[in-house]
C-alpha atoms as a PDB file:
ATOM      1  CA  MET A   1     -29.761  -5.795  -5.237  1.00  0.00           C
ATOM      2  CA  GLY A   2     -26.554  -7.485  -4.195  1.00  0.00           C
ATOM      3  CA  GLU A   3     -26.081 -10.166  -1.498  1.00  0.00           C
ATOM      4  CA  ALA A   4     -27.474  -9.917   1.821  1.00  0.00           C
ATOM      5  CA  ILE A   5     -25.884 -10.447   4.908  1.00  0.00           C
ATOM      6  CA  ARG A   6     -27.617 -12.647   7.514  1.00  0.00           C
ATOM      7  CA  ALA A   7     -26.562 -12.201  11.296  1.00  0.00           C
ATOM      8  CA  ARG A   8     -27.986 -14.473  13.861  1.00  0.00           C
ATOM      9  CA  ALA A   9     -27.498 -13.476  17.587  1.00  0.00           C
ATOM     10  CA  GLN A  10     -28.288 -16.126  20.224  1.00  0.00           C
ATOM     11  CA  ARG A  11     -28.235 -15.354  23.986  1.00  0.00           C
ATOM     12  CA  ILE A  12     -25.706 -17.475  25.762  1.00  0.00           C
ATOM     13  CA  ASP A  13     -26.360 -16.609  29.154  1.00  0.00           C
ATOM     14  CA  GLY A  14     -26.481 -13.385  31.216  1.00  0.00           C
ATOM     15  CA  LEU A  15     -25.568 -10.607  28.590  1.00  0.00           C
ATOM     16  CA  ARG A  16     -23.385 -12.987  26.603  1.00  0.00           C
ATOM     17  CA  SER A  17     -24.573 -13.808  23.123  1.00  0.00           C
ATOM     18  CA  LEU A  18     -23.260 -15.694  20.281  1.00  0.00           C
ATOM     19  CA  VAL A  19     -23.378 -14.039  16.997  1.00  0.00           C
ATOM     20  CA  THR A  20     -23.183 -15.824  13.509  1.00  0.00           C
ATOM     21  CA  VAL A  21     -22.463 -14.646  10.310  1.00  0.00           C
ATOM     22  CA  GLY A  22     -22.145 -17.112   7.500  1.00  0.00           C
ATOM     23  CA  ASN A  23     -19.371 -19.678   8.678  1.00  0.00           C
ATOM     24  CA  HIS A  24     -18.010 -17.142  11.428  1.00  0.00           C
ATOM     25  CA  THR A  25     -18.836 -16.873  14.950  1.00  0.00           C
ATOM     26  CA  VAL A  26     -18.131 -14.398  17.589  1.00  0.00           C
ATOM     27  CA  VAL A  27     -18.957 -14.110  21.246  1.00  0.00           C
ATOM     28  CA  VAL A  28     -20.579 -10.596  22.133  1.00  0.00           C
ATOM     29  CA  ASP A  29     -20.524  -9.590  25.818  1.00  0.00           C
ATOM     30  CA  ARG A  30     -20.741  -6.238  28.110  1.00  0.00           C
ATOM     31  CA  PRO A  31     -17.878  -5.497  30.473  1.00  0.00           C
ATOM     32  CA  PRO A  32     -18.522  -6.589  34.134  1.00  0.00           C
ATOM     33  CA  GLU A  33     -19.326  -2.937  35.200  1.00  0.00           C
ATOM     34  CA  GLU A  34     -22.136  -3.079  32.881  1.00  0.00           C
ATOM     35  CA  GLY A  35     -23.357  -6.554  34.079  1.00  0.00           C
ATOM     36  CA  GLY A  36     -21.598  -8.694  31.630  1.00  0.00           C
ATOM     37  CA  THR A  37     -18.662 -10.989  32.150  1.00  0.00           C
ATOM     38  CA  GLY A  38     -16.230  -9.394  29.730  1.00  0.00           C
ATOM     39  CA  THR A  39     -15.476 -12.572  27.737  1.00  0.00           C
ATOM     40  CA  GLY A  40     -16.062 -11.071  24.357  1.00  0.00           C
ATOM     41  CA  MET A  41     -16.207  -7.546  22.748  1.00  0.00           C
ATOM     42  CA  SER A  42     -19.232  -5.405  23.551  1.00  0.00           C
ATOM     43  CA  ALA A  43     -21.412  -4.511  20.527  1.00  0.00           C
ATOM     44  CA  PRO A  44     -19.995  -0.781  20.530  1.00  0.00           C
ATOM     45  CA  GLN A  45     -16.301  -2.582  20.474  1.00  0.00           C
ATOM     46  CA  LEU A  46     -17.260  -4.903  17.653  1.00  0.00           C
ATOM     47  CA  PHE A  47     -18.633  -2.082  15.800  1.00  0.00           C
ATOM     48  CA  ALA A  48     -15.421   0.003  16.267  1.00  0.00           C
ATOM     49  CA  ALA A  49     -13.331  -3.228  15.211  1.00  0.00           C
ATOM     50  CA  ALA A  50     -15.452  -3.763  11.916  1.00  0.00           C
ATOM     51  CA  MET A  51     -15.033  -0.022  11.067  1.00  0.00           C
ATOM     52  CA  ALA A  52     -11.171  -0.406  11.589  1.00  0.00           C
ATOM     53  CA  ALA A  53     -11.112  -3.484   9.518  1.00  0.00           C
ATOM     54  CA  CYS A  54     -13.077  -2.265   6.722  1.00  0.00           C
ATOM     55  CA  ILE A  55     -10.858   0.781   6.485  1.00  0.00           C
ATOM     56  CA  VAL A  56      -7.596  -1.230   6.662  1.00  0.00           C
ATOM     57  CA  GLY A  57      -8.955  -3.644   4.061  1.00  0.00           C
ATOM     58  CA  PHE A  58      -9.753  -0.726   1.719  1.00  0.00           C
ATOM     59  CA  ILE A  59      -6.197   0.710   2.146  1.00  0.00           C
ATOM     60  CA  ALA A  60      -4.561  -2.588   1.639  1.00  0.00           C
ATOM     61  CA  ASN A  61      -6.719  -3.407  -1.477  1.00  0.00           C
ATOM     62  CA  SER A  62      -5.740  -0.115  -3.067  1.00  0.00           C
ATOM     63  CA  CYS A  63      -2.151  -0.570  -2.554  1.00  0.00           C
ATOM     64  CA  ARG A  64      -2.490  -3.997  -3.948  1.00  0.00           C
ATOM     65  CA  LEU A  65      -4.517  -2.862  -7.078  1.00  0.00           C
ATOM     66  CA  ARG A  66      -1.722  -0.016  -7.713  1.00  0.00           C
ATOM     67  CA  ASN A  67       1.256  -1.661  -6.828  1.00  0.00           C
ATOM     68  CA  ILE A  68       1.998   0.538  -3.781  1.00  0.00           C
ATOM     69  CA  PRO A  69       4.678  -0.980  -1.759  1.00  0.00           C
ATOM     70  CA  LEU A  70       3.434  -2.179   1.585  1.00  0.00           C
ATOM     71  CA  THR A  71       5.506  -3.965   4.411  1.00  0.00           C
ATOM     72  CA  ARG A  72       3.151  -2.633   7.348  1.00  0.00           C
ATOM     73  CA  LEU A  73      -0.104  -1.363   7.453  1.00  0.00           C
ATOM     74  CA  GLU A  74      -2.041  -0.595  10.870  1.00  0.00           C
ATOM     75  CA  LEU A  75      -4.565   1.845  11.972  1.00  0.00           C
ATOM     76  CA  GLU A  76      -5.817   3.056  15.400  1.00  0.00           C
ATOM     77  CA  LEU A  77      -9.606   4.005  15.509  1.00  0.00           C
ATOM     78  CA  THR A  78     -10.572   5.862  18.646  1.00  0.00           C
ATOM     79  CA  ALA A  79     -14.433   6.010  19.366  1.00  0.00           C
ATOM     80  CA  PRO A  80     -15.737   7.401  22.485  1.00  0.00           C
ATOM     81  CA  ILE A  81     -19.026   5.972  23.964  1.00  0.00           C
ATOM     82  CA  GLN A  82     -21.489   9.105  24.445  1.00  0.00           C
ATOM     83  CA  GLY A  83     -24.780   9.399  26.065  1.00  0.00           C
ATOM     84  CA  GLY A  84     -28.050  11.059  25.518  1.00  0.00           C
ATOM     85  CA  PRO A  85     -28.722   8.615  23.634  1.00  0.00           C
ATOM     86  CA  ARG A  86     -26.126   6.312  24.303  1.00  0.00           C
ATOM     87  CA  ARG A  87     -24.032   5.713  21.219  1.00  0.00           C
ATOM     88  CA  VAL A  88     -20.581   5.853  19.534  1.00  0.00           C
ATOM     89  CA  GLY A  89     -19.519   9.089  19.116  1.00  0.00           C
ATOM     90  CA  ASP A  90     -17.080  10.865  16.483  1.00  0.00           C
ATOM     91  CA  MET A  91     -14.217   8.483  15.581  1.00  0.00           C
ATOM     92  CA  GLU A  92     -10.894   9.311  14.759  1.00  0.00           C
ATOM     93  CA  VAL A  93      -8.426   6.921  12.431  1.00  0.00           C
ATOM     94  CA  VAL A  94      -4.726   7.228  12.381  1.00  0.00           C
ATOM     95  CA  VAL A  95      -2.940   5.275   9.553  1.00  0.00           C
ATOM     96  CA  ARG A  96       0.414   4.077   9.718  1.00  0.00           C
ATOM     97  CA  MET A  97       2.206   2.332   6.930  1.00  0.00           C
ATOM     98  CA  GLU A  98       5.705   1.325   5.837  1.00  0.00           C
ATOM     99  CA  PRO A  99       7.260   2.286   3.862  1.00  0.00           C
ATOM    100  CA  GLU A 100       5.869   5.687   4.365  1.00  0.00           C
ATOM    101  CA  PRO A 101       4.142   6.926   1.061  1.00  0.00           C
ATOM    102  CA  PRO A 102       4.827  10.206  -0.549  1.00  0.00           C
ATOM    103  CA  GLU A 103       2.162  12.839  -0.097  1.00  0.00           C
ATOM    104  CA  GLU A 104       0.466  12.239  -3.429  1.00  0.00           C
ATOM    105  CA  VAL A 105      -0.063   8.572  -2.591  1.00  0.00           C
ATOM    106  CA  ARG A 106      -1.183   9.513   1.149  1.00  0.00           C
ATOM    107  CA  GLN A 107      -3.931  11.718  -0.244  1.00  0.00           C
ATOM    108  CA  HIS A 108      -5.027   8.993  -2.659  1.00  0.00           C
ATOM    109  CA  LEU A 109      -5.204   6.213   0.111  1.00  0.00           C
ATOM    110  CA  LEU A 110      -7.088   8.776   2.590  1.00  0.00           C
ATOM    111  CA  ALA A 111      -9.685   9.311  -0.313  1.00  0.00           C
ATOM    112  CA  VAL A 112     -10.015   5.488  -0.526  1.00  0.00           C
ATOM    113  CA  ALA A 113     -10.366   5.046   3.232  1.00  0.00           C
ATOM    114  CA  ARG A 114     -13.123   7.528   3.209  1.00  0.00           C
ATOM    115  CA  ARG A 115     -14.918   5.518   0.650  1.00  0.00           C
ATOM    116  CA  ALA A 116     -15.013   2.352   2.801  1.00  0.00           C
ATOM    117  CA  THR A 117     -18.209   0.531   2.925  1.00  0.00           C
ATOM    118  CA  LEU A 118     -19.127   0.969   6.531  1.00  0.00           C
ATOM    119  CA  LEU A 119     -18.225   4.834   6.224  1.00  0.00           C
ATOM    120  CA  ASN A 120     -20.623   5.019   3.298  1.00  0.00           C
ATOM    121  CA  THR A 121     -23.135   3.086   5.529  1.00  0.00           C
ATOM    122  CA  LEU A 122     -23.009   5.824   8.295  1.00  0.00           C
ATOM    123  CA  ALA A 123     -23.244   8.586   5.664  1.00  0.00           C
ATOM    124  CA  ARG A 124     -26.410   7.070   4.075  1.00  0.00           C
ATOM    125  CA  PRO A 125     -27.745   5.295   7.271  1.00  0.00           C
ATOM    126  CA  PRO A 126     -30.027   2.165   6.573  1.00  0.00           C
ATOM    127  CA  ARG A 127     -33.649   2.010   7.732  1.00  0.00           C
ATOM    128  CA  VAL A 128     -33.618  -0.443  10.501  1.00  0.00           C
ATOM    129  CA  VAL A 129     -36.918  -2.431  11.014  1.00  0.00           C
ATOM    130  CA  ILE A 130     -37.244  -4.557  14.326  1.00  0.00           C
ATOM    131  CA  ARG A 131     -39.946  -6.714  14.852  1.00  0.00           C
ATOM    132  CA  PHE A 132     -41.014 -10.060  16.785  1.00  0.00           C
ATOM    133  CA  ALA A 133     -41.404 -13.044  14.510  1.00  0.00           C
ATOM    134  CA  SER A 134     -44.984 -13.840  13.752  1.00  0.00           C
ATOM    135  CA  GLY A 135     -44.828 -17.655  13.440  1.00  0.00           C
ATOM    136  CA  ALA A 136     -42.625 -20.783  13.688  1.00  0.00           C
ATOM    137  CA  ASP A 137     -41.322 -20.488  10.274  1.00  0.00           C
ATOM    138  CA  ASP A 138     -40.574 -16.788  10.346  1.00  0.00           C
ATOM    139  CA  GLY A 139     -36.912 -15.861   9.816  1.00  0.00           C
ATOM    140  CA  GLY A 140     -35.425 -19.052   8.296  1.00  0.00           C
ATOM    141  CA  PRO A 141     -33.782 -22.018  10.013  1.00  0.00           C
ATOM    142  CA  PRO A 142     -33.332 -22.116  13.698  1.00  0.00           C
ATOM    143  CA  PRO A 143     -30.080 -20.638  15.107  1.00  0.00           C
ATOM    144  CA  PRO A 144     -27.154 -22.702  15.988  1.00  0.00           C
ATOM    145  CA  ALA A 145     -26.982 -24.384  19.390  1.00  0.00           C
ATOM    146  CA  ALA A 146     -25.048 -22.356  21.888  1.00  0.00           C
ATOM    147  CA  SER A 147     -21.435 -23.346  22.385  1.00  0.00           C
ATOM    148  CA  GLY A 148     -19.852 -20.442  23.404  1.00  0.00           C
ATOM    149  CA  PRO A 149     -17.090 -20.416  26.201  1.00  0.00           C
ATOM    150  CA  PRO A 150     -18.368 -20.872  29.644  1.00  0.00           C
ATOM    151  CA  ALA A 151     -19.243 -17.894  31.814  1.00  0.00           C
END
């Protein structure tokens, strides 16, 4: 089945939460106009950031594996928030790299980018089961103590 990612989210205060995956922690918050403090990325922003990082990682790795010259690689992902129900809308990704590759290499790298893990996940959405814990031992060890930045 492969490795499982275990993310733990713990409310710090207000709408801020501390999310931990392995040894990495990030503060997630909403902007002030949505009742948050704006001290961290919102969940949709974090989603877009993860998508951008996943795609750029796939392109960079392909360049590494194929010895494609690469001195600069960046991409810009635009993801509008839509309503009815509230969600991230259609995303557009623009890739910039130096040196600029020939068309054949560009097409190869675009194909690689389209196979990024998170794009595959959106194409084949996982089932999400949400439930309340049923006992003290349900869910593993307790989450780490909140130690995020002050509100």
